[in-house]
Amino acid sequence: FMMRYHVFISGLVIGVYFRGFVKNKADKLNIKGWVRNTKDGRVEAVFEGEESNLDRVIEYCGRGPWTAQVENVDIIAEQYTGKFKDFSIIR
């Protein structure tokens, strides 16, 4: 079952290789979409893929790389689009 999640991760998540960590996990789980830093200090991501794989990448977002301190993960379920070819880091 294909799903789409729009996710906002807050805490100590900027400057700690969070986007690279998320991309690595997304690529391994065959998830498409993007990740970026926001102006207010959070990390924002859109994930599309199999529901079970999305659940796993959300778990990884809740932990982050060892350098991060995740305080909160907000998840918004959205309509699946299938428009992404891969997973990218937006700079």
C-alpha atoms as a PDB file:
ATOM      1  CA  PHE A   1       0.000   0.000   0.000  1.00  0.00           C
ATOM      2  CA  MET A   2       1.637   3.234  -1.172  1.00  0.00           C
ATOM      3  CA  MET A   3       1.529   6.204   1.183  1.00  0.00           C
ATOM      4  CA  ARG A   4       2.858   9.751   1.524  1.00  0.00           C
ATOM      5  CA  TYR A   5       3.987  11.381   4.769  1.00  0.00           C
ATOM      6  CA  HIS A   6       4.973  15.025   5.246  1.00  0.00           C
ATOM      7  CA  VAL A   7       7.216  15.146   8.301  1.00  0.00           C
ATOM      8  CA  PHE A   8       8.702  17.870  10.505  1.00  0.00           C
ATOM      9  CA  ILE A   9      11.506  16.911  12.911  1.00  0.00           C
ATOM     10  CA  SER A  10      12.477  19.285  15.716  1.00  0.00           C
ATOM     11  CA  GLY A  11      15.277  19.360  18.266  1.00  0.00           C
ATOM     12  CA  LEU A  12      19.020  19.513  17.642  1.00  0.00           C
ATOM     13  CA  VAL A  13      18.695  18.462  13.993  1.00  0.00           C
ATOM     14  CA  ILE A  14      20.599  21.126  12.014  1.00  0.00           C
ATOM     15  CA  GLY A  15      24.334  20.767  11.417  1.00  0.00           C
ATOM     16  CA  VAL A  16      24.421  17.162  12.622  1.00  0.00           C
ATOM     17  CA  TYR A  17      24.267  15.323   9.246  1.00  0.00           C
ATOM     18  CA  PHE A  18      20.520  14.739   9.683  1.00  0.00           C
ATOM     19  CA  ARG A  19      19.592  15.206   6.014  1.00  0.00           C
ATOM     20  CA  GLY A  20      22.326  12.820   4.862  1.00  0.00           C
ATOM     21  CA  PHE A  21      21.231  10.286   7.477  1.00  0.00           C
ATOM     22  CA  VAL A  22      17.607  10.499   6.280  1.00  0.00           C
ATOM     23  CA  LYS A  23      18.619  10.179   2.602  1.00  0.00           C
ATOM     24  CA  ASN A  24      20.725   7.101   3.357  1.00  0.00           C
ATOM     25  CA  LYS A  25      17.814   5.394   5.160  1.00  0.00           C
ATOM     26  CA  ALA A  26      15.277   6.429   2.486  1.00  0.00           C
ATOM     27  CA  ASP A  27      17.482   5.082  -0.322  1.00  0.00           C
ATOM     28  CA  LYS A  28      17.906   1.733   1.477  1.00  0.00           C
ATOM     29  CA  LEU A  29      14.114   1.488   1.982  1.00  0.00           C
ATOM     30  CA  ASN A  30      13.260   2.486  -1.626  1.00  0.00           C
ATOM     31  CA  ILE A  31      11.474   5.632  -0.451  1.00  0.00           C
ATOM     32  CA  LYS A  32      11.103   8.602  -2.791  1.00  0.00           C
ATOM     33  CA  GLY A  33      10.783  12.291  -1.904  1.00  0.00           C
ATOM     34  CA  TRP A  34      13.018  14.956  -0.361  1.00  0.00           C
ATOM     35  CA  VAL A  35      14.456  16.377   2.862  1.00  0.00           C
ATOM     36  CA  ARG A  36      15.533  19.926   3.757  1.00  0.00           C
ATOM     37  CA  ASN A  37      16.335  22.240   6.644  1.00  0.00           C
ATOM     38  CA  THR A  38      13.730  24.880   7.493  1.00  0.00           C
ATOM     39  CA  LYS A  39      14.366  28.494   8.456  1.00  0.00           C
ATOM     40  CA  ASP A  40      12.994  27.822  11.962  1.00  0.00           C
ATOM     41  CA  GLY A  41      15.586  25.129  12.742  1.00  0.00           C
ATOM     42  CA  ARG A  42      13.620  21.992  11.951  1.00  0.00           C
ATOM     43  CA  VAL A  43      14.123  19.336   9.290  1.00  0.00           C
ATOM     44  CA  GLU A  44      11.233  18.852   6.851  1.00  0.00           C
ATOM     45  CA  ALA A  45      10.758  15.802   4.645  1.00  0.00           C
ATOM     46  CA  VAL A  46       8.252  14.294   2.238  1.00  0.00           C
ATOM     47  CA  PHE A  47       8.344  10.507   1.982  1.00  0.00           C
ATOM     48  CA  GLU A  48       6.496   8.338  -0.539  1.00  0.00           C
ATOM     49  CA  GLY A  49       6.608   4.556  -0.605  1.00  0.00           C
ATOM     50  CA  GLU A  50       5.314   1.330   0.891  1.00  0.00           C
ATOM     51  CA  GLU A  51       3.589   1.935   4.217  1.00  0.00           C
ATOM     52  CA  SER A  52       5.829  -0.518   6.118  1.00  0.00           C
ATOM     53  CA  ASN A  53       8.982   1.195   4.791  1.00  0.00           C
ATOM     54  CA  LEU A  54       7.589   4.629   5.668  1.00  0.00           C
ATOM     55  CA  ASP A  55       6.984   3.444   9.230  1.00  0.00           C
ATOM     56  CA  ARG A  56      10.632   2.358   9.413  1.00  0.00           C
ATOM     57  CA  VAL A  57      12.008   5.661   8.082  1.00  0.00           C
ATOM     58  CA  ILE A  58       9.815   7.546  10.582  1.00  0.00           C
ATOM     59  CA  GLU A  59      11.381   5.443  13.360  1.00  0.00           C
ATOM     60  CA  TYR A  60      14.836   6.446  12.079  1.00  0.00           C
ATOM     61  CA  CYS A  61      13.749  10.113  12.061  1.00  0.00           C
ATOM     62  CA  GLY A  62      12.749   9.755  15.703  1.00  0.00           C
ATOM     63  CA  ARG A  63      16.255   8.624  16.588  1.00  0.00           C
ATOM     64  CA  GLY A  64      18.366  10.524  14.057  1.00  0.00           C
ATOM     65  CA  PRO A  65      22.122  10.146  13.738  1.00  0.00           C
ATOM     66  CA  TRP A  66      24.053   9.866  17.026  1.00  0.00           C
ATOM     67  CA  THR A  67      24.946  13.583  16.762  1.00  0.00           C
ATOM     68  CA  ALA A  68      21.276  14.669  16.845  1.00  0.00           C
ATOM     69  CA  GLN A  69      18.834  15.164  19.698  1.00  0.00           C
ATOM     70  CA  VAL A  70      15.321  14.688  18.323  1.00  0.00           C
ATOM     71  CA  GLU A  71      12.581  16.253  20.443  1.00  0.00           C
ATOM     72  CA  ASN A  72       9.526  15.776  18.233  1.00  0.00           C
ATOM     73  CA  VAL A  73       8.404  14.245  14.934  1.00  0.00           C
ATOM     74  CA  ASP A  74       5.177  15.640  13.459  1.00  0.00           C
ATOM     75  CA  ILE A  75       3.657  13.420  10.771  1.00  0.00           C
ATOM     76  CA  ILE A  76       0.981  14.520   8.313  1.00  0.00           C
ATOM     77  CA  ALA A  77      -0.493  11.838   6.043  1.00  0.00           C
ATOM     78  CA  GLU A  78      -1.091  13.213   2.548  1.00  0.00           C
ATOM     79  CA  GLN A  79      -2.375  11.901  -0.768  1.00  0.00           C
ATOM     80  CA  TYR A  80       0.196   9.682  -2.529  1.00  0.00           C
ATOM     81  CA  THR A  81       1.333  11.238  -5.841  1.00  0.00           C
ATOM     82  CA  GLY A  82       4.057   8.951  -7.230  1.00  0.00           C
ATOM     83  CA  LYS A  83       5.751  12.009  -8.756  1.00  0.00           C
ATOM     84  CA  PHE A  84       9.244  11.493  -7.291  1.00  0.00           C
ATOM     85  CA  LYS A  85      11.942   9.570  -9.162  1.00  0.00           C
ATOM     86  CA  ASP A  86      14.319   9.323  -6.195  1.00  0.00           C
ATOM     87  CA  PHE A  87      15.061  10.796  -2.781  1.00  0.00           C
ATOM     88  CA  SER A  88      16.918  14.100  -2.726  1.00  0.00           C
ATOM     89  CA  ILE A  89      18.399  16.583  -0.298  1.00  0.00           C
ATOM     90  CA  ILE A  90      17.172  20.123  -0.956  1.00  0.00           C
ATOM     91  CA  ARG A  91      19.831  22.682  -0.037  1.00  0.00           C
END
